[in-house]
Amino acid sequence: MRWSGQTLDAADEGALPGLERSGLVRSVQTPEFEGITFHEVLCKSALNKISSDTSLPFSWTINPARGCSHACRYCFARPTHEYLDLDSGKDFDSQIVVKTNIAAVLRKELARRSWKREPVALGTNTDPYQRAEGRYRLMPGIIRALAESGTPFSILTKGTLLRRDLPLLALAARQVDVHISISLAIHDADLQKQLEPGTPSPRARLDLIRAVREAGLPCGVLVAPVIPFLTDGARQLDGLLEALADAGATSVTAMPMHLRSSTKDWFMSWLAENHPALMRRYRQLYGQGAYVTPEYTTWLRGRIDPLLERHGFGVDDLRSMPENVPAEPEVAERARDPALTLF
């Protein structure tokens, strides 16, 4: 790596597309994060406006990074790495773009008179508490900026690093509405290691839910994706919901797995290697599309609803992903600043 060529004013033939002269500071590899390259960039915008024709409860998102070391095989955000001419498989897991100045940029955007303090979501594309956050500590600045501007926000994460910021989040909750959700869909530790090799264990995330509740904050749980024929068994779901109730989760939202674009190939390659007997059933279930059949969604709801009731969760908490919800909310931002490719 030519460090002398990693300045803002110098072009680098090895830089990510669109960043040769538009924000790349340097690319870093460290022993503490073996196998991962961090591409440090200076972003021009922190807030991403998403389409107004979705059913999502927010109109703005913040993503401190692109790519995710959690390496979940089914991650719907994988195709966004292709905008950087990186692949949606191993590159997505190991080539992490970090917006090092995002908190300062966010403060400026939130200070504008035009800002209406609409709800902002973190964790919609890649996890804000993935391993990169341990190195760059971007979230405390983001949380303070949102709270001090009077902007309500939500966080969705699998990362137990959120525990570090619980005192700050509890303080922010005194000023604005703060919603925290933990993603935990796989209760079996062996399967979790196969499908989510970079994530904290199920037990660690259950402990995180307890910590959130002990901090005086409500904690929802996203049981997503429910993986057909692997995590949708009655005993599996019952055991997971029992554990979530015991940990103090205040709500549960469950969704069947959807496989868009190149994510489908990445997941199916894993399935073919580890569960070849399921390939035919998956072709029938997904066909040429990204979503399970309506019949499967109805069947899954019939299975989960009684379990939700049994463990004290509302039966309306089960949701299937609507067709009009974009898997990558930031895609709409590309046209606004194409030179930075969403940054």
Protein backbone atom coordinates (compact mmCIF):
# COMPACT_ATOMS: atom_id res chain seq x y z
CA MET A 1 0.00 0.00 0.00
CA ARG A 2 1.44 3.39 -1.02
CA TRP A 3 0.77 5.45 2.11
CA SER A 4 2.03 8.61 0.42
CA GLY A 5 -0.74 8.22 -2.12
CA GLN A 6 -3.51 7.95 0.44
CA THR A 7 -4.00 11.68 0.98
CA LEU A 8 -7.19 13.46 0.03
CA ASP A 9 -5.49 15.28 -2.84
CA ALA A 10 -3.64 12.36 -4.35
CA ALA A 11 -5.11 9.83 -6.76
CA ASP A 12 -4.53 6.17 -5.99
CA GLU A 13 -4.97 3.62 -8.71
CA GLY A 14 -5.83 1.02 -6.07
CA ALA A 15 -8.49 3.13 -4.37
CA LEU A 16 -12.11 2.12 -4.28
CA PRO A 17 -14.14 3.31 -7.29
CA GLY A 18 -15.30 6.90 -6.87
CA LEU A 19 -12.88 7.58 -4.05
CA GLU A 20 -9.63 8.22 -5.95
CA ARG A 21 -9.99 11.96 -5.20
CA SER A 22 -13.20 12.00 -3.20
CA GLY A 23 -12.67 11.07 0.42
CA LEU A 24 -10.29 8.14 0.81
CA VAL A 25 -7.75 8.91 3.54
CA ARG A 26 -5.95 5.58 3.82
CA SER A 27 -6.42 1.82 3.92
CA VAL A 28 -5.32 0.06 7.10
CA GLN A 29 -4.56 -3.49 8.18
CA THR A 30 -3.70 -4.26 11.81
CA PRO A 31 -2.77 -7.45 13.72
CA GLU A 32 -5.79 -6.99 16.00
CA PHE A 33 -8.11 -7.36 13.00
CA GLU A 34 -6.44 -10.10 11.02
CA GLY A 35 -7.86 -10.56 7.55
CA ILE A 36 -9.73 -7.24 7.57
CA THR A 37 -8.83 -4.08 5.67
CA PHE A 38 -10.30 -0.78 6.85
CA HIS A 39 -10.71 1.89 4.19
CA GLU A 40 -10.94 5.18 6.06
CA VAL A 41 -12.96 7.82 4.23
CA LEU A 42 -14.25 11.32 4.85
CA CYS A 43 -17.94 11.44 4.07
CA LYS A 44 -19.82 14.47 2.81
CA SER A 45 -23.14 13.40 4.30
CA ALA A 46 -24.14 11.32 7.32
CA LEU A 47 -27.91 11.22 6.91
CA ASN A 48 -29.43 9.06 4.17
CA LYS A 49 -32.95 9.81 3.00
CA ILE A 50 -34.94 6.73 2.06
CA SER A 51 -37.96 6.41 -0.15
CA SER A 52 -41.19 7.82 1.24
CA ASP A 53 -43.27 5.00 -0.27
CA THR A 54 -42.10 2.32 2.17
CA SER A 55 -43.86 1.14 5.31
CA LEU A 56 -40.80 1.71 7.49
CA PRO A 57 -41.26 3.81 10.67
CA PHE A 58 -38.35 6.08 9.75
CA SER A 59 -37.28 8.22 6.81
CA TRP A 60 -33.58 8.62 7.55
CA THR A 61 -30.71 6.25 8.23
CA ILE A 62 -27.10 6.52 9.32
CA ASN A 63 -24.46 3.95 8.43
CA PRO A 64 -21.01 4.56 9.94
CA ALA A 65 -19.50 1.83 7.76
CA ARG A 66 -19.95 -0.15 4.56
CA GLY A 67 -19.34 -3.88 4.62
CA CYS A 68 -19.61 -5.91 7.82
CA SER A 69 -17.21 -8.23 9.61
CA HIS A 70 -20.15 -10.13 11.11
CA ALA A 71 -20.06 -12.05 7.82
CA CYS A 72 -23.66 -13.28 7.98
CA ARG A 73 -24.23 -15.54 4.97
CA TYR A 74 -27.77 -14.25 4.43
CA CYS A 75 -27.09 -10.50 4.83
CA PHE A 76 -29.30 -8.52 2.45
CA ALA A 77 -26.80 -5.64 2.32
CA ARG A 78 -24.14 -7.68 0.51
CA PRO A 79 -24.99 -6.36 -2.98
CA THR A 80 -24.19 -2.78 -1.89
CA HIS A 81 -20.49 -3.66 -1.97
CA GLU A 82 -20.75 -4.20 -5.70
CA TYR A 83 -21.14 -0.43 -6.15
CA LEU A 84 -17.48 -0.26 -5.08
CA ASP A 85 -16.42 -2.93 -7.59
CA LEU A 86 -15.94 -5.30 -4.65
CA ASP A 87 -17.63 -8.67 -4.44
CA SER A 88 -20.59 -9.32 -2.20
CA GLY A 89 -18.97 -12.37 -0.63
CA LYS A 90 -15.57 -12.29 1.06
CA ASP A 91 -14.96 -8.63 0.21
CA PHE A 92 -18.14 -7.62 2.02
CA ASP A 93 -16.87 -9.45 5.11
CA SER A 94 -13.31 -8.14 5.02
CA GLN A 95 -13.12 -4.83 3.08
CA ILE A 96 -14.75 -2.41 5.52
CA VAL A 97 -15.26 1.24 4.58
CA VAL A 98 -15.29 3.46 7.68
CA LYS A 99 -16.63 7.04 7.64
CA THR A 100 -14.23 8.48 10.19
CA ASN A 101 -15.69 12.00 10.26
CA ILE A 102 -19.33 10.95 10.37
CA ALA A 103 -20.13 12.40 13.82
CA ALA A 104 -18.85 15.87 12.89
CA VAL A 105 -20.72 15.83 9.58
CA LEU A 106 -23.88 14.65 11.34
CA ARG A 107 -23.75 17.57 13.80
CA LYS A 108 -23.68 20.03 10.93
CA GLU A 109 -26.62 18.36 9.21
CA LEU A 110 -28.69 18.25 12.39
CA ALA A 111 -28.02 21.95 13.02
CA ARG A 112 -29.68 23.02 9.77
CA ARG A 113 -32.91 24.95 10.08
CA SER A 114 -34.48 22.56 7.57
CA TRP A 115 -33.93 19.56 9.86
CA LYS A 116 -37.33 18.46 11.24
CA ARG A 117 -36.06 15.99 13.86
CA GLU A 118 -37.57 13.01 12.09
CA PRO A 119 -36.72 9.53 13.43
CA VAL A 120 -33.34 8.18 12.37
CA ALA A 121 -32.40 4.48 12.23
CA LEU A 122 -28.99 2.92 12.67
CA GLY A 123 -28.32 -0.67 11.68
CA THR A 124 -30.46 -0.80 8.55
CA ASN A 125 -27.65 -1.70 6.16
CA THR A 126 -24.66 -2.86 8.17
CA ASP A 127 -24.21 -3.22 11.91
CA PRO A 128 -23.08 -0.03 13.70
CA TYR A 129 -21.53 -2.16 16.47
CA GLN A 130 -19.52 -4.51 14.28
CA ARG A 131 -15.84 -4.96 15.18
CA ALA A 132 -14.79 -1.73 13.44
CA GLU A 133 -16.58 0.26 16.13
CA GLY A 134 -14.13 -1.07 18.70
CA ARG A 135 -11.32 0.61 16.81
CA TYR A 136 -12.98 3.83 15.63
CA ARG A 137 -15.50 4.61 18.41
CA LEU A 138 -17.91 6.45 16.11
CA MET A 139 -21.17 5.67 17.89
CA PRO A 140 -20.71 7.82 21.03
CA GLY A 141 -20.37 10.92 18.86
CA ILE A 142 -23.36 9.93 16.76
CA ILE A 143 -25.52 9.26 19.83
CA ARG A 144 -24.60 12.60 21.42
CA ALA A 145 -25.28 14.51 18.21
CA LEU A 146 -28.72 12.96 17.81
CA ALA A 147 -29.73 13.42 21.45
CA GLU A 148 -28.47 17.00 21.73
CA SER A 149 -30.34 17.97 18.55
CA GLY A 150 -33.60 16.48 19.83
CA THR A 151 -33.69 13.76 17.17
CA PRO A 152 -35.29 10.41 18.09
CA PHE A 153 -33.39 7.36 16.92
CA SER A 154 -33.29 3.59 16.90
CA ILE A 155 -30.43 1.10 16.89
CA LEU A 156 -30.52 -2.47 15.57
CA THR A 157 -27.45 -4.57 16.29
CA LYS A 158 -25.97 -7.99 16.92
CA GLY A 159 -22.92 -6.41 18.51
CA THR A 160 -22.35 -6.73 22.24
CA LEU A 161 -20.13 -3.64 22.03
CA LEU A 162 -23.37 -1.71 22.49
CA ARG A 163 -23.00 -2.50 26.20
CA ARG A 164 -20.16 0.06 26.34
CA ASP A 165 -22.58 2.83 25.36
CA LEU A 166 -25.49 1.91 27.62
CA PRO A 167 -24.88 4.77 30.10
CA LEU A 168 -24.81 7.21 27.19
CA LEU A 169 -27.95 5.69 25.66
CA ALA A 170 -29.78 5.85 29.01
CA LEU A 171 -28.89 9.54 29.23
CA ALA A 172 -30.01 10.13 25.63
CA ALA A 173 -33.34 8.44 26.40
CA ARG A 174 -34.07 11.24 28.87
CA GLN A 175 -33.91 13.73 26.00
CA VAL A 176 -35.38 11.85 23.00
CA ASP A 177 -37.12 8.60 22.15
CA VAL A 178 -34.50 5.85 21.91
CA HIS A 179 -35.37 2.38 20.63
CA ILE A 180 -32.88 -0.46 20.92
CA SER A 181 -33.33 -3.80 19.18
CA ILE A 182 -31.05 -6.82 19.28
CA SER A 183 -30.96 -9.17 16.32
CA LEU A 184 -31.02 -12.80 17.44
CA ALA A 185 -32.54 -15.40 15.12
CA ILE A 186 -30.34 -18.47 15.64
CA HIS A 187 -30.39 -20.06 19.08
CA ASP A 188 -28.21 -23.04 18.13
CA ALA A 189 -24.60 -22.01 18.73
CA ASP A 190 -23.13 -24.41 16.16
CA LEU A 191 -25.43 -23.20 13.37
CA GLN A 192 -24.80 -19.60 14.42
CA LYS A 193 -21.05 -20.08 14.01
CA GLN A 194 -21.59 -21.42 10.51
CA LEU A 195 -23.98 -18.73 9.30
CA GLU A 196 -22.83 -15.73 11.38
CA PRO A 197 -19.14 -16.46 12.03
CA GLY A 198 -18.25 -12.89 13.02
CA THR A 199 -21.10 -12.28 15.46
CA PRO A 200 -21.26 -12.69 19.23
CA SER A 201 -22.74 -15.96 20.44
CA PRO A 202 -26.47 -16.35 21.17
CA ARG A 203 -25.67 -16.46 24.89
CA ALA A 204 -23.69 -13.21 24.67
CA ARG A 205 -26.60 -11.48 22.93
CA LEU A 206 -29.07 -12.76 25.52
CA ASP A 207 -26.80 -11.26 28.17
CA LEU A 208 -26.81 -8.01 26.19
CA ILE A 209 -30.61 -7.93 26.26
CA ARG A 210 -30.46 -8.31 30.04
CA ALA A 211 -27.94 -5.48 30.25
CA VAL A 212 -30.14 -3.18 28.16
CA ARG A 213 -33.10 -3.90 30.44
CA GLU A 214 -30.97 -3.39 33.57
CA ALA A 215 -30.02 0.01 32.18
CA GLY A 216 -33.72 0.91 32.29
CA LEU A 217 -34.28 0.75 28.52
CA PRO A 218 -36.84 -1.30 26.62
CA CYS A 219 -35.28 -3.87 24.29
CA GLY A 220 -36.95 -5.33 21.25
CA VAL A 221 -35.61 -8.39 19.46
CA LEU A 222 -35.56 -9.06 15.74
CA VAL A 223 -35.89 -12.78 15.09
CA ALA A 224 -34.78 -12.46 11.51
CA PRO A 225 -34.19 -14.19 9.38
CA VAL A 226 -36.13 -17.29 10.22
CA ILE A 227 -34.30 -19.75 7.97
CA PRO A 228 -36.59 -22.30 6.31
CA PHE A 229 -36.05 -25.90 7.40
CA LEU A 230 -33.11 -24.92 9.63
CA THR A 231 -34.49 -22.59 12.33
CA ASP A 232 -38.26 -22.80 11.82
CA GLY A 233 -38.90 -25.94 13.87
CA ALA A 234 -41.43 -25.67 16.69
CA ARG A 235 -38.88 -26.70 19.34
CA GLN A 236 -36.28 -24.30 17.96
CA LEU A 237 -38.62 -21.32 17.93
CA ASP A 238 -40.12 -22.19 21.30
CA GLY A 239 -36.67 -22.46 22.87
CA LEU A 240 -35.55 -19.15 21.39
CA LEU A 241 -38.69 -17.26 22.47
CA GLU A 242 -38.45 -18.75 25.95
CA ALA A 243 -34.86 -17.53 26.21
CA LEU A 244 -35.82 -14.07 24.95
CA ALA A 245 -38.64 -13.81 27.48
CA ASP A 246 -36.31 -14.92 30.27
CA ALA A 247 -33.77 -12.28 29.20
CA GLY A 248 -36.42 -9.56 29.48
CA ALA A 249 -37.07 -8.73 25.82
CA THR A 250 -39.98 -6.32 25.56
CA SER A 251 -41.09 -7.22 22.03
CA VAL A 252 -40.30 -9.67 19.24
CA THR A 253 -40.49 -9.15 15.51
CA ALA A 254 -39.94 -12.18 13.29
CA MET A 255 -39.44 -12.40 9.54
CA PRO A 256 -38.65 -15.21 7.12
CA MET A 257 -35.39 -15.02 5.23
CA HIS A 258 -35.31 -13.19 1.92
CA LEU A 259 -32.44 -13.62 -0.52
CA ARG A 260 -31.93 -10.77 -2.93
CA SER A 261 -29.51 -10.54 -5.81
CA SER A 262 -26.00 -11.87 -5.12
CA THR A 263 -26.87 -12.66 -1.49
CA LYS A 264 -28.88 -15.57 -2.83
CA ASP A 265 -25.87 -17.08 -4.59
CA TRP A 266 -23.68 -16.61 -1.50
CA PHE A 267 -26.19 -18.30 0.79
CA MET A 268 -27.07 -21.07 -1.65
CA SER A 269 -23.41 -21.98 -2.09
CA TRP A 270 -23.22 -22.52 1.67
CA LEU A 271 -26.45 -24.53 1.63
CA ALA A 272 -25.23 -26.75 -1.20
CA GLU A 273 -22.07 -27.56 0.73
CA ASN A 274 -23.62 -28.09 4.14
CA HIS A 275 -27.22 -29.16 3.47
CA PRO A 276 -27.42 -30.44 -0.12
CA ALA A 277 -30.64 -32.33 0.63
CA LEU A 278 -32.40 -28.97 1.09
CA MET A 279 -31.50 -27.54 -2.31
CA ARG A 280 -34.59 -28.84 -4.08
CA ARG A 281 -36.90 -27.54 -1.34
CA TYR A 282 -35.27 -24.11 -1.50
CA ARG A 283 -35.71 -23.93 -5.27
CA GLN A 284 -39.37 -24.67 -4.77
CA LEU A 285 -39.70 -22.19 -1.91
CA TYR A 286 -37.89 -19.25 -3.52
CA GLY A 287 -38.10 -20.05 -7.22
CA GLN A 288 -36.39 -17.28 -9.20
CA GLY A 289 -37.31 -14.60 -6.67
CA ALA A 290 -36.04 -13.24 -3.37
CA TYR A 291 -38.98 -14.09 -1.11
CA VAL A 292 -40.55 -17.23 0.25
CA THR A 293 -43.94 -18.20 -1.07
CA PRO A 294 -47.05 -16.65 0.55
CA GLU A 295 -48.00 -20.14 1.70
CA TYR A 296 -44.79 -20.44 3.71
CA THR A 297 -45.29 -17.03 5.30
CA THR A 298 -48.83 -18.02 6.33
CA TRP A 299 -47.58 -21.34 7.68
CA LEU A 300 -44.80 -19.63 9.66
CA ARG A 301 -47.21 -17.14 11.18
CA GLY A 302 -49.47 -20.00 12.23
CA ARG A 303 -46.53 -21.61 13.97
CA ILE A 304 -45.12 -18.52 15.68
CA ASP A 305 -48.31 -16.76 16.80
CA PRO A 306 -49.18 -19.30 19.54
CA LEU A 307 -45.55 -19.31 20.71
CA LEU A 308 -45.49 -15.53 20.93
CA GLU A 309 -48.64 -15.60 23.04
CA ARG A 310 -47.27 -18.36 25.24
CA HIS A 311 -44.18 -16.33 26.09
CA GLY A 312 -45.96 -13.02 26.57
CA PHE A 313 -45.24 -11.33 23.25
CA GLY A 314 -47.85 -9.76 20.99
CA VAL A 315 -48.98 -11.90 18.07
CA ASP A 316 -48.86 -8.87 15.77
CA ASP A 317 -45.10 -8.76 16.21
CA LEU A 318 -44.60 -11.24 13.35
CA ARG A 319 -43.93 -9.47 10.09
CA SER A 320 -42.99 -10.62 6.62
CA MET A 321 -40.85 -8.26 4.58
CA PRO A 322 -43.15 -6.18 2.34
CA GLU A 323 -42.21 -6.12 -1.31
CA ASN A 324 -41.96 -2.32 -1.34
CA VAL A 325 -39.35 -2.08 1.42
CA PRO A 326 -35.89 -1.57 -0.10
CA ALA A 327 -33.28 -4.02 1.17
CA GLU A 328 -30.71 -1.28 0.81
CA PRO A 329 -32.30 2.05 1.91
CA GLU A 330 -29.17 3.97 0.93
CA VAL A 331 -29.44 3.02 -2.74
CA ALA A 332 -31.66 6.06 -3.27
CA GLU A 333 -28.74 8.25 -2.20
CA ARG A 334 -26.53 7.20 -5.11
CA ALA A 335 -28.05 9.68 -7.52
CA ARG A 336 -27.48 12.58 -5.13
CA ASP A 337 -23.72 12.18 -4.93
CA PRO A 338 -22.59 9.58 -7.48
CA ALA A 339 -18.94 10.53 -7.12
CA LEU A 340 -18.95 9.23 -3.57
CA THR A 341 -21.11 6.19 -4.27
CA LEU A 342 -23.33 6.59 -1.21
CA PHE A 343 -20.68 8.01 1.10
